[in-house]
Structures are given as structure tokens and as C-alpha cells.
Amino acid sequence: RDNARDTVWLQMNSLKPEDTAVYYCHAEEVYTIP
């Protein structure tokens, strides 16, 4: 991740046919205060 760019990456190497899928990005927006 790069917080300055509000971006997360997934580098995928040595890909296999079983990696075939729809890939989804998920964000959990967390607050502790208040």
C-alpha cells in the first residue's frame, strides 16, 4: 500500500490457471475515536 496515493496493489507472480477469478478490493474504514 501507498498511503500518500490512497492505493493498494496486489502483485501476482507465477500465476496458475486456478488463480482465474474476479478479484475484488475491500476497504475496512476503521475509527477508534470517539
PDB file of all heavy atoms in Angstrom:
ATOM      1  N   ARG A   1       0.828  -1.199   0.000  1.00  0.00           N
ATOM      2  CA  ARG A   1       0.000   0.000   0.000  1.00  0.00           C
ATOM      3  C   ARG A   1       0.865   1.252   0.000  1.00  0.00           C
ATOM      4  O   ARG A   1       2.013   1.248   0.439  1.00  0.00           O
ATOM      5  CB  ARG A   1      -0.946   0.016   1.211  1.00  0.00           C
ATOM      6  CG  ARG A   1      -0.249   0.154   2.561  1.00  0.00           C
ATOM      7  CD  ARG A   1      -1.222  -0.114   3.709  1.00  0.00           C
ATOM      8  NE  ARG A   1      -2.274   0.890   3.773  1.00  0.00           N
ATOM      9  CZ  ARG A   1      -3.445   0.720   4.396  1.00  0.00           C
ATOM     10  NH1 ARG A   1      -3.713  -0.446   4.989  1.00  0.00           N
ATOM     11  NH2 ARG A   1      -4.341   1.698   4.413  1.00  0.00           N
ATOM     12  N   ASP A   2       0.277   2.331  -0.505  1.00  0.00           N
ATOM     13  CA  ASP A   2       0.905   3.639  -0.511  1.00  0.00           C
ATOM     14  C   ASP A   2      -0.136   4.609   0.011  1.00  0.00           C
ATOM     15  O   ASP A   2      -1.062   4.993  -0.710  1.00  0.00           O
ATOM     16  CB  ASP A   2       1.368   4.024  -1.912  1.00  0.00           C
ATOM     17  CG  ASP A   2       2.137   5.331  -1.936  1.00  0.00           C
ATOM     18  OD1 ASP A   2       2.066   6.108  -0.971  1.00  0.00           O
ATOM     19  OD2 ASP A   2       2.828   5.585  -2.948  1.00  0.00           O
ATOM     20  N   ASN A   3       0.020   4.991   1.264  1.00  0.00           N
ATOM     21  CA  ASN A   3      -0.973   5.861   1.886  1.00  0.00           C
ATOM     22  C   ASN A   3      -1.038   7.238   1.232  1.00  0.00           C
ATOM     23  O   ASN A   3      -2.095   7.879   1.237  1.00  0.00           O
ATOM     24  CB  ASN A   3      -0.680   6.004   3.378  1.00  0.00           C
ATOM     25  CG  ASN A   3      -0.939   4.726   4.143  1.00  0.00           C
ATOM     26  OD1 ASN A   3      -1.597   3.810   3.660  1.00  0.00           O
ATOM     27  ND2 ASN A   3      -0.415   4.660   5.371  1.00  0.00           N
ATOM     28  N   ALA A   4       0.072   7.700   0.679  1.00  0.00           N
ATOM     29  CA  ALA A   4       0.090   9.005   0.027  1.00  0.00           C
ATOM     30  C   ALA A   4      -0.731   9.013  -1.249  1.00  0.00           C
ATOM     31  O   ALA A   4      -1.165  10.078  -1.701  1.00  0.00           O
ATOM     32  CB  ALA A   4       1.526   9.428  -0.270  1.00  0.00           C
ATOM     33  N   ARG A   5      -0.930   7.835  -1.847  1.00  0.00           N
ATOM     34  CA  ARG A   5      -1.690   7.731  -3.091  1.00  0.00           C
ATOM     35  C   ARG A   5      -3.036   7.044  -2.900  1.00  0.00           C
ATOM     36  O   ARG A   5      -3.749   6.820  -3.884  1.00  0.00           O
ATOM     37  CB  ARG A   5      -0.870   6.969  -4.136  1.00  0.00           C
ATOM     38  CG  ARG A   5       0.432   7.659  -4.509  1.00  0.00           C
ATOM     39  CD  ARG A   5       1.306   6.786  -5.384  1.00  0.00           C
ATOM     40  NE  ARG A   5       0.674   6.463  -6.650  1.00  0.00           N
ATOM     41  CZ  ARG A   5       1.208   5.684  -7.583  1.00  0.00           C
ATOM     42  NH1 ARG A   5       2.408   5.141  -7.374  1.00  0.00           N
ATOM     43  NH2 ARG A   5       0.556   5.439  -8.710  1.00  0.00           N
ATOM     44  N   ASP A   6      -3.391   6.725  -1.665  1.00  0.00           N
ATOM     45  CA  ASP A   6      -4.657   6.046  -1.359  1.00  0.00           C
ATOM     46  C   ASP A   6      -4.821   4.787  -2.205  1.00  0.00           C
ATOM     47  O   ASP A   6      -5.911   4.501  -2.717  1.00  0.00           O
ATOM     48  CB  ASP A   6      -5.841   6.985  -1.587  1.00  0.00           C
ATOM     49  CG  ASP A   6      -5.863   8.167  -0.636  1.00  0.00           C
ATOM     50  OD1 ASP A   6      -4.998   8.236   0.264  1.00  0.00           O
ATOM     51  OD2 ASP A   6      -6.738   9.035  -0.786  1.00  0.00           O
ATOM     52  N   THR A   7      -3.742   4.037  -2.340  1.00  0.00           N
ATOM     53  CA  THR A   7      -3.712   2.911  -3.259  1.00  0.00           C
ATOM     54  C   THR A   7      -3.152   1.655  -2.601  1.00  0.00           C
ATOM     55  O   THR A   7      -2.212   1.731  -1.803  1.00  0.00           O
ATOM     56  CB  THR A   7      -2.861   3.252  -4.495  1.00  0.00           C
ATOM     57  OG1 THR A   7      -3.401   4.410  -5.144  1.00  0.00           O
ATOM     58  CG2 THR A   7      -2.838   2.097  -5.480  1.00  0.00           C
ATOM     59  N   VAL A   8      -3.737   0.526  -2.947  1.00  0.00           N
ATOM     60  CA  VAL A   8      -3.207  -0.769  -2.553  1.00  0.00           C
ATOM     61  C   VAL A   8      -3.009  -1.590  -3.822  1.00  0.00           C
ATOM     62  O   VAL A   8      -3.801  -1.490  -4.764  1.00  0.00           O
ATOM     63  CB  VAL A   8      -4.132  -1.485  -1.546  1.00  0.00           C
ATOM     64  CG1 VAL A   8      -5.506  -1.754  -2.154  1.00  0.00           C
ATOM     65  CG2 VAL A   8      -3.494  -2.769  -1.048  1.00  0.00           C
ATOM     66  N   TRP A   9      -1.936  -2.376  -3.858  1.00  0.00           N
ATOM     67  CA  TRP A   9      -1.619  -3.206  -5.019  1.00  0.00           C
ATOM     68  C   TRP A   9      -1.595  -4.678  -4.634  1.00  0.00           C
ATOM     69  O   TRP A   9      -1.370  -5.040  -3.485  1.00  0.00           O
ATOM     70  CB  TRP A   9      -0.247  -2.853  -5.586  1.00  0.00           C
ATOM     71  CG  TRP A   9      -0.126  -1.491  -6.168  1.00  0.00           C
ATOM     72  CD1 TRP A   9      -0.427  -1.105  -7.443  1.00  0.00           C
ATOM     73  CD2 TRP A   9       0.379  -0.322  -5.507  1.00  0.00           C
ATOM     74  NE1 TRP A   9      -0.154   0.224  -7.618  1.00  0.00           N
ATOM     75  CE2 TRP A   9       0.344   0.738  -6.441  1.00  0.00           C
ATOM     76  CE3 TRP A   9       0.848  -0.070  -4.220  1.00  0.00           C
ATOM     77  CZ2 TRP A   9       0.763   2.021  -6.132  1.00  0.00           C
ATOM     78  CZ3 TRP A   9       1.268   1.211  -3.913  1.00  0.00           C
ATOM     79  CH2 TRP A   9       1.221   2.232  -4.855  1.00  0.00           C
ATOM     80  N   LEU A  10      -1.816  -5.514  -5.614  1.00  0.00           N
ATOM     81  CA  LEU A  10      -1.594  -6.940  -5.483  1.00  0.00           C
ATOM     82  C   LEU A  10      -0.700  -7.369  -6.632  1.00  0.00           C
ATOM     83  O   LEU A  10      -1.139  -7.417  -7.782  1.00  0.00           O
ATOM     84  CB  LEU A  10      -2.905  -7.724  -5.503  1.00  0.00           C
ATOM     85  CG  LEU A  10      -2.771  -9.225  -5.277  1.00  0.00           C
ATOM     86  CD1 LEU A  10      -2.308  -9.510  -3.845  1.00  0.00           C
ATOM     87  CD2 LEU A  10      -4.083  -9.945  -5.557  1.00  0.00           C
ATOM     88  N   GLN A  11       0.558  -7.650  -6.321  1.00  0.00           N
ATOM     89  CA  GLN A  11       1.490  -8.158  -7.308  1.00  0.00           C
ATOM     90  C   GLN A  11       1.351  -9.669  -7.359  1.00  0.00           C
ATOM     91  O   GLN A  11       1.557 -10.349  -6.355  1.00  0.00           O
ATOM     92  CB  GLN A  11       2.924  -7.771  -6.950  1.00  0.00           C
ATOM     93  CG  GLN A  11       3.980  -8.300  -7.914  1.00  0.00           C
ATOM     94  CD  GLN A  11       3.872  -7.686  -9.287  1.00  0.00           C
ATOM     95  OE1 GLN A  11       3.773  -6.465  -9.419  1.00  0.00           O
ATOM     96  NE2 GLN A  11       3.891  -8.522 -10.323  1.00  0.00           N
ATOM     97  N   MET A  12       1.017 -10.194  -8.524  1.00  0.00           N
ATOM     98  CA  MET A  12       0.782 -11.619  -8.696  1.00  0.00           C
ATOM     99  C   MET A  12       1.834 -12.180  -9.642  1.00  0.00           C
ATOM    100  O   MET A  12       1.892 -11.795 -10.816  1.00  0.00           O
ATOM    101  CB  MET A  12      -0.623 -11.877  -9.240  1.00  0.00           C
ATOM    102  CG  MET A  12      -1.730 -11.283  -8.377  1.00  0.00           C
ATOM    103  SD  MET A  12      -3.388 -11.686  -8.984  1.00  0.00           S
ATOM    104  CE  MET A  12      -3.395 -10.733 -10.500  1.00  0.00           C
ATOM    105  N   ASN A  13       2.655 -13.071  -9.134  1.00  0.00           N
ATOM    106  CA  ASN A  13       3.693 -13.722  -9.920  1.00  0.00           C
ATOM    107  C   ASN A  13       3.422 -15.214 -10.001  1.00  0.00           C
ATOM    108  O   ASN A  13       2.664 -15.769  -9.211  1.00  0.00           O
ATOM    109  CB  ASN A  13       5.067 -13.478  -9.306  1.00  0.00           C
ATOM    110  CG  ASN A  13       5.465 -12.023  -9.268  1.00  0.00           C
ATOM    111  OD1 ASN A  13       5.128 -11.248 -10.168  1.00  0.00           O
ATOM    112  ND2 ASN A  13       6.209 -11.640  -8.235  1.00  0.00           N
ATOM    113  N   SER A  14       4.072 -15.861 -10.945  1.00  0.00           N
ATOM    114  CA  SER A  14       3.937 -17.307 -11.134  1.00  0.00           C
ATOM    115  C   SER A  14       2.472 -17.723 -11.171  1.00  0.00           C
ATOM    116  O   SER A  14       2.053 -18.670 -10.502  1.00  0.00           O
ATOM    117  CB  SER A  14       4.685 -18.061 -10.027  1.00  0.00           C
ATOM    118  OG  SER A  14       6.056 -17.724 -10.014  1.00  0.00           O
ATOM    119  N   LEU A  15       1.705 -17.027 -11.953  1.00  0.00           N
ATOM    120  CA  LEU A  15       0.264 -17.255 -11.994  1.00  0.00           C
ATOM    121  C   LEU A  15      -0.073 -18.645 -12.520  1.00  0.00           C
ATOM    122  O   LEU A  15       0.602 -19.171 -13.406  1.00  0.00           O
ATOM    123  CB  LEU A  15      -0.414 -16.192 -12.842  1.00  0.00           C
ATOM    124  CG  LEU A  15      -0.590 -14.841 -12.139  1.00  0.00           C
ATOM    125  CD1 LEU A  15      -0.862 -13.734 -13.148  1.00  0.00           C
ATOM    126  CD2 LEU A  15      -1.722 -14.920 -11.122  1.00  0.00           C
ATOM    127  N   LYS A  16      -1.124 -19.210 -11.956  1.00  0.00           N
ATOM    128  CA  LYS A  16      -1.613 -20.525 -12.319  1.00  0.00           C
ATOM    129  C   LYS A  16      -3.044 -20.420 -12.824  1.00  0.00           C
ATOM    130  O   LYS A  16      -3.766 -19.501 -12.460  1.00  0.00           O
ATOM    131  CB  LYS A  16      -1.578 -21.458 -11.103  1.00  0.00           C
ATOM    132  CG  LYS A  16      -0.222 -21.584 -10.435  1.00  0.00           C
ATOM    133  CD  LYS A  16      -0.319 -22.419  -9.164  1.00  0.00           C
ATOM    134  CE  LYS A  16       1.020 -22.543  -8.475  1.00  0.00           C
ATOM    135  NZ  LYS A  16       0.918 -23.336  -7.225  1.00  0.00           N
ATOM    136  N   PRO A  17      -3.493 -21.371 -13.646  1.00  0.00           N
ATOM    137  CA  PRO A  17      -4.886 -21.336 -14.106  1.00  0.00           C
ATOM    138  C   PRO A  17      -5.892 -21.278 -12.965  1.00  0.00           C
ATOM    139  O   PRO A  17      -6.953 -20.646 -13.118  1.00  0.00           O
ATOM    140  CB  PRO A  17      -5.018 -22.637 -14.904  1.00  0.00           C
ATOM    141  CG  PRO A  17      -3.643 -22.880 -15.428  1.00  0.00           C
ATOM    142  CD  PRO A  17      -2.722 -22.443 -14.314  1.00  0.00           C
ATOM    143  N   GLU A  18      -5.589 -21.898 -11.834  1.00  0.00           N
ATOM    144  CA  GLU A  18      -6.502 -21.872 -10.708  1.00  0.00           C
ATOM    145  C   GLU A  18      -6.607 -20.507 -10.039  1.00  0.00           C
ATOM    146  O   GLU A  18      -7.448 -20.307  -9.164  1.00  0.00           O
ATOM    147  CB  GLU A  18      -6.127 -22.938  -9.664  1.00  0.00           C
ATOM    148  CG  GLU A  18      -4.666 -22.923  -9.270  1.00  0.00           C
ATOM    149  CD  GLU A  18      -3.843 -23.958 -10.015  1.00  0.00           C
ATOM    150  OE1 GLU A  18      -4.017 -24.077 -11.246  1.00  0.00           O
ATOM    151  OE2 GLU A  18      -3.040 -24.658  -9.368  1.00  0.00           O
ATOM    152  N   ASP A  19      -5.759 -19.565 -10.434  1.00  0.00           N
ATOM    153  CA  ASP A  19      -5.879 -18.199  -9.951  1.00  0.00           C
ATOM    154  C   ASP A  19      -6.953 -17.419 -10.698  1.00  0.00           C
ATOM    155  O   ASP A  19      -7.273 -16.292 -10.314  1.00  0.00           O
ATOM    156  CB  ASP A  19      -4.549 -17.454 -10.080  1.00  0.00           C
ATOM    157  CG  ASP A  19      -3.460 -18.022  -9.194  1.00  0.00           C
ATOM    158  OD1 ASP A  19      -3.754 -18.365  -8.031  1.00  0.00           O
ATOM    159  OD2 ASP A  19      -2.306 -18.115  -9.662  1.00  0.00           O
ATOM    160  N   THR A  20      -7.487 -17.986 -11.752  1.00  0.00           N
ATOM    161  CA  THR A  20      -8.525 -17.325 -12.535  1.00  0.00           C
ATOM    162  C   THR A  20      -9.738 -17.035 -11.665  1.00  0.00           C
ATOM    163  O   THR A  20     -10.288 -17.930 -11.018  1.00  0.00           O
ATOM    164  CB  THR A  20      -8.934 -18.194 -13.732  1.00  0.00           C
ATOM    165  OG1 THR A  20      -7.824 -18.336 -14.616  1.00  0.00           O
ATOM    166  CG2 THR A  20     -10.097 -17.566 -14.486  1.00  0.00           C
ATOM    167  N   ALA A  21     -10.151 -15.781 -11.636  1.00  0.00           N
ATOM    168  CA  ALA A  21     -11.274 -15.360 -10.810  1.00  0.00           C
ATOM    169  C   ALA A  21     -11.527 -13.880 -11.031  1.00  0.00           C
ATOM    170  O   ALA A  21     -10.736 -13.185 -11.673  1.00  0.00           O
ATOM    171  CB  ALA A  21     -10.980 -15.613  -9.324  1.00  0.00           C
ATOM    172  N   VAL A  22     -12.637 -13.414 -10.482  1.00  0.00           N
ATOM    173  CA  VAL A  22     -12.860 -11.985 -10.359  1.00  0.00           C
ATOM    174  C   VAL A  22     -12.253 -11.556  -9.034  1.00  0.00           C
ATOM    175  O   VAL A  22     -12.571 -12.123  -7.985  1.00  0.00           O
ATOM    176  CB  VAL A  22     -14.356 -11.620 -10.407  1.00  0.00           C
ATOM    177  CG1 VAL A  22     -14.544 -10.119 -10.204  1.00  0.00           C
ATOM    178  CG2 VAL A  22     -14.960 -12.058 -11.734  1.00  0.00           C
ATOM    179  N   TYR A  23     -11.382 -10.578  -9.077  1.00  0.00           N
ATOM    180  CA  TYR A  23     -10.695 -10.099  -7.888  1.00  0.00           C
ATOM    181  C   TYR A  23     -11.342  -8.805  -7.407  1.00  0.00           C
ATOM    182  O   TYR A  23     -11.568  -7.879  -8.191  1.00  0.00           O
ATOM    183  CB  TYR A  23      -9.217  -9.870  -8.175  1.00  0.00           C
ATOM    184  CG  TYR A  23      -8.429 -11.151  -8.235  1.00  0.00           C
ATOM    185  CD1 TYR A  23      -8.590 -12.033  -9.304  1.00  0.00           C
ATOM    186  CD2 TYR A  23      -7.539 -11.505  -7.222  1.00  0.00           C
ATOM    187  CE1 TYR A  23      -7.893 -13.232  -9.355  1.00  0.00           C
ATOM    188  CE2 TYR A  23      -6.832 -12.694  -7.272  1.00  0.00           C
ATOM    189  CZ  TYR A  23      -7.008 -13.553  -8.330  1.00  0.00           C
ATOM    190  OH  TYR A  23      -6.310 -14.742  -8.374  1.00  0.00           O
ATOM    191  N   TYR A  24     -11.620  -8.758  -6.112  1.00  0.00           N
ATOM    192  CA  TYR A  24     -12.289  -7.626  -5.504  1.00  0.00           C
ATOM    193  C   TYR A  24     -11.407  -6.970  -4.454  1.00  0.00           C
ATOM    194  O   TYR A  24     -10.757  -7.653  -3.662  1.00  0.00           O
ATOM    195  CB  TYR A  24     -13.594  -8.060  -4.826  1.00  0.00           C
ATOM    196  CG  TYR A  24     -14.634  -8.603  -5.765  1.00  0.00           C
ATOM    197  CD1 TYR A  24     -14.679  -9.959  -6.066  1.00  0.00           C
ATOM    198  CD2 TYR A  24     -15.572  -7.764  -6.347  1.00  0.00           C
ATOM    199  CE1 TYR A  24     -15.636 -10.469  -6.928  1.00  0.00           C
ATOM    200  CE2 TYR A  24     -16.534  -8.264  -7.210  1.00  0.00           C
ATOM    201  CZ  TYR A  24     -16.561  -9.615  -7.492  1.00  0.00           C
ATOM    202  OH  TYR A  24     -17.517 -10.113  -8.347  1.00  0.00           O
ATOM    203  N   CYS A  25     -11.418  -5.665  -4.446  1.00  0.00           N
ATOM    204  CA  CYS A  25     -10.731  -4.895  -3.418  1.00  0.00           C
ATOM    205  C   CYS A  25     -11.717  -4.559  -2.305  1.00  0.00           C
ATOM    206  O   CYS A  25     -12.859  -4.191  -2.575  1.00  0.00           O
ATOM    207  CB  CYS A  25     -10.158  -3.610  -4.016  1.00  0.00           C
ATOM    208  SG  CYS A  25      -9.211  -2.591  -2.860  1.00  0.00           S
ATOM    209  N   HIS A  26     -11.253  -4.698  -1.080  1.00  0.00           N
ATOM    210  CA  HIS A  26     -12.090  -4.431   0.083  1.00  0.00           C
ATOM    211  C   HIS A  26     -11.409  -3.428   1.000  1.00  0.00           C
ATOM    212  O   HIS A  26     -10.205  -3.527   1.253  1.00  0.00           O
ATOM    213  CB  HIS A  26     -12.353  -5.726   0.853  1.00  0.00           C
ATOM    214  CG  HIS A  26     -13.054  -5.515   2.160  1.00  0.00           C
ATOM    215  ND1 HIS A  26     -12.395  -5.587   3.372  1.00  0.00           N
ATOM    216  CD2 HIS A  26     -14.352  -5.229   2.447  1.00  0.00           C
ATOM    217  CE1 HIS A  26     -13.257  -5.361   4.348  1.00  0.00           C
ATOM    218  NE2 HIS A  26     -14.448  -5.143   3.813  1.00  0.00           N
ATOM    219  N   ALA A  27     -12.189  -2.482   1.475  1.00  0.00           N
ATOM    220  CA  ALA A  27     -11.702  -1.497   2.429  1.00  0.00           C
ATOM    221  C   ALA A  27     -12.531  -1.557   3.693  1.00  0.00           C
ATOM    222  O   ALA A  27     -13.765  -1.515   3.636  1.00  0.00           O
ATOM    223  CB  ALA A  27     -11.751  -0.095   1.837  1.00  0.00           C
ATOM    224  N   GLU A  28     -11.859  -1.693   4.813  1.00  0.00           N
ATOM    225  CA  GLU A  28     -12.499  -1.583   6.117  1.00  0.00           C
ATOM    226  C   GLU A  28     -12.085  -0.243   6.702  1.00  0.00           C
ATOM    227  O   GLU A  28     -10.924  -0.052   7.058  1.00  0.00           O
ATOM    228  CB  GLU A  28     -12.089  -2.723   7.049  1.00  0.00           C
ATOM    229  CG  GLU A  28     -12.761  -2.638   8.414  1.00  0.00           C
ATOM    230  CD  GLU A  28     -12.218  -3.629   9.419  1.00  0.00           C
ATOM    231  OE1 GLU A  28     -10.998  -3.907   9.388  1.00  0.00           O
ATOM    232  OE2 GLU A  28     -13.002  -4.131  10.247  1.00  0.00           O
ATOM    233  N   GLU A  29     -13.022   0.666   6.750  1.00  0.00           N
ATOM    234  CA  GLU A  29     -12.773   2.001   7.274  1.00  0.00           C
ATOM    235  C   GLU A  29     -12.950   1.959   8.776  1.00  0.00           C
ATOM    236  O   GLU A  29     -14.062   1.752   9.268  1.00  0.00           O
ATOM    237  CB  GLU A  29     -13.732   2.997   6.622  1.00  0.00           C
ATOM    238  CG  GLU A  29     -13.462   4.439   6.959  1.00  0.00           C
ATOM    239  CD  GLU A  29     -14.480   5.353   6.299  1.00  0.00           C
ATOM    240  OE1 GLU A  29     -15.698   5.109   6.473  1.00  0.00           O
ATOM    241  OE2 GLU A  29     -14.067   6.297   5.600  1.00  0.00           O
ATOM    242  N   VAL A  30     -11.871   2.161   9.508  1.00  0.00           N
ATOM    243  CA  VAL A  30     -11.856   1.953  10.949  1.00  0.00           C
ATOM    244  C   VAL A  30     -11.690   3.271  11.689  1.00  0.00           C
ATOM    245  O   VAL A  30     -10.837   4.089  11.344  1.00  0.00           O
ATOM    246  CB  VAL A  30     -10.717   0.991  11.357  1.00  0.00           C
ATOM    247  CG1 VAL A  30     -10.696   0.807  12.873  1.00  0.00           C
ATOM    248  CG2 VAL A  30     -10.883  -0.354  10.666  1.00  0.00           C
ATOM    249  N   TYR A  31     -12.511   3.438  12.696  1.00  0.00           N
ATOM    250  CA  TYR A  31     -12.411   4.576  13.603  1.00  0.00           C
ATOM    251  C   TYR A  31     -12.324   4.056  15.026  1.00  0.00           C
ATOM    252  O   TYR A  31     -12.996   3.084  15.388  1.00  0.00           O
ATOM    253  CB  TYR A  31     -13.618   5.503  13.469  1.00  0.00           C
ATOM    254  CG  TYR A  31     -13.754   6.131  12.113  1.00  0.00           C
ATOM    255  CD1 TYR A  31     -14.518   5.521  11.124  1.00  0.00           C
ATOM    256  CD2 TYR A  31     -13.123   7.328  11.813  1.00  0.00           C
ATOM    257  CE1 TYR A  31     -14.637   6.091   9.873  1.00  0.00           C
ATOM    258  CE2 TYR A  31     -13.246   7.907  10.568  1.00  0.00           C
ATOM    259  CZ  TYR A  31     -14.002   7.291   9.599  1.00  0.00           C
ATOM    260  OH  TYR A  31     -14.119   7.862   8.359  1.00  0.00           O
ATOM    261  N   THR A  32     -11.510   4.689  15.824  1.00  0.00           N
ATOM    262  CA  THR A  32     -11.407   4.359  17.246  1.00  0.00           C
ATOM    263  C   THR A  32     -11.802   5.527  18.129  1.00  0.00           C
ATOM    264  O   THR A  32     -12.069   5.339  19.312  1.00  0.00           O
ATOM    265  CB  THR A  32      -9.983   3.911  17.608  1.00  0.00           C
ATOM    266  OG1 THR A  32      -9.052   4.944  17.275  1.00  0.00           O
ATOM    267  CG2 THR A  32      -9.625   2.637  16.856  1.00  0.00           C
ATOM    268  N   ILE A  33     -11.817   6.708  17.572  1.00  0.00           N
ATOM    269  CA  ILE A  33     -12.206   7.926  18.267  1.00  0.00           C
ATOM    270  C   ILE A  33     -13.361   8.562  17.521  1.00  0.00           C
ATOM    271  O   ILE A  33     -13.277   8.755  16.294  1.00  0.00           O
ATOM    272  CB  ILE A  33     -11.041   8.923  18.373  1.00  0.00           C
ATOM    273  CG1 ILE A  33      -9.844   8.292  19.085  1.00  0.00           C
ATOM    274  CG2 ILE A  33     -11.472  10.201  19.070  1.00  0.00           C
ATOM    275  CD1 ILE A  33     -10.119   7.941  20.540  1.00  0.00           C
ATOM    276  N   PRO A  34     -14.464   8.893  18.156  1.00  0.00           N
ATOM    277  CA  PRO A  34     -14.689   8.866  19.604  1.00  0.00           C
ATOM    278  C   PRO A  34     -15.076   7.506  20.161  1.00  0.00           C
ATOM    279  O   PRO A  34     -15.116   7.341  21.382  1.00  0.00           O
ATOM    280  CB  PRO A  34     -15.831   9.860  19.797  1.00  0.00           C
ATOM    281  CG  PRO A  34     -16.635   9.721  18.554  1.00  0.00           C
ATOM    282  CD  PRO A  34     -15.621   9.513  17.455  1.00  0.00           C
TER     283      PRO A  34
END
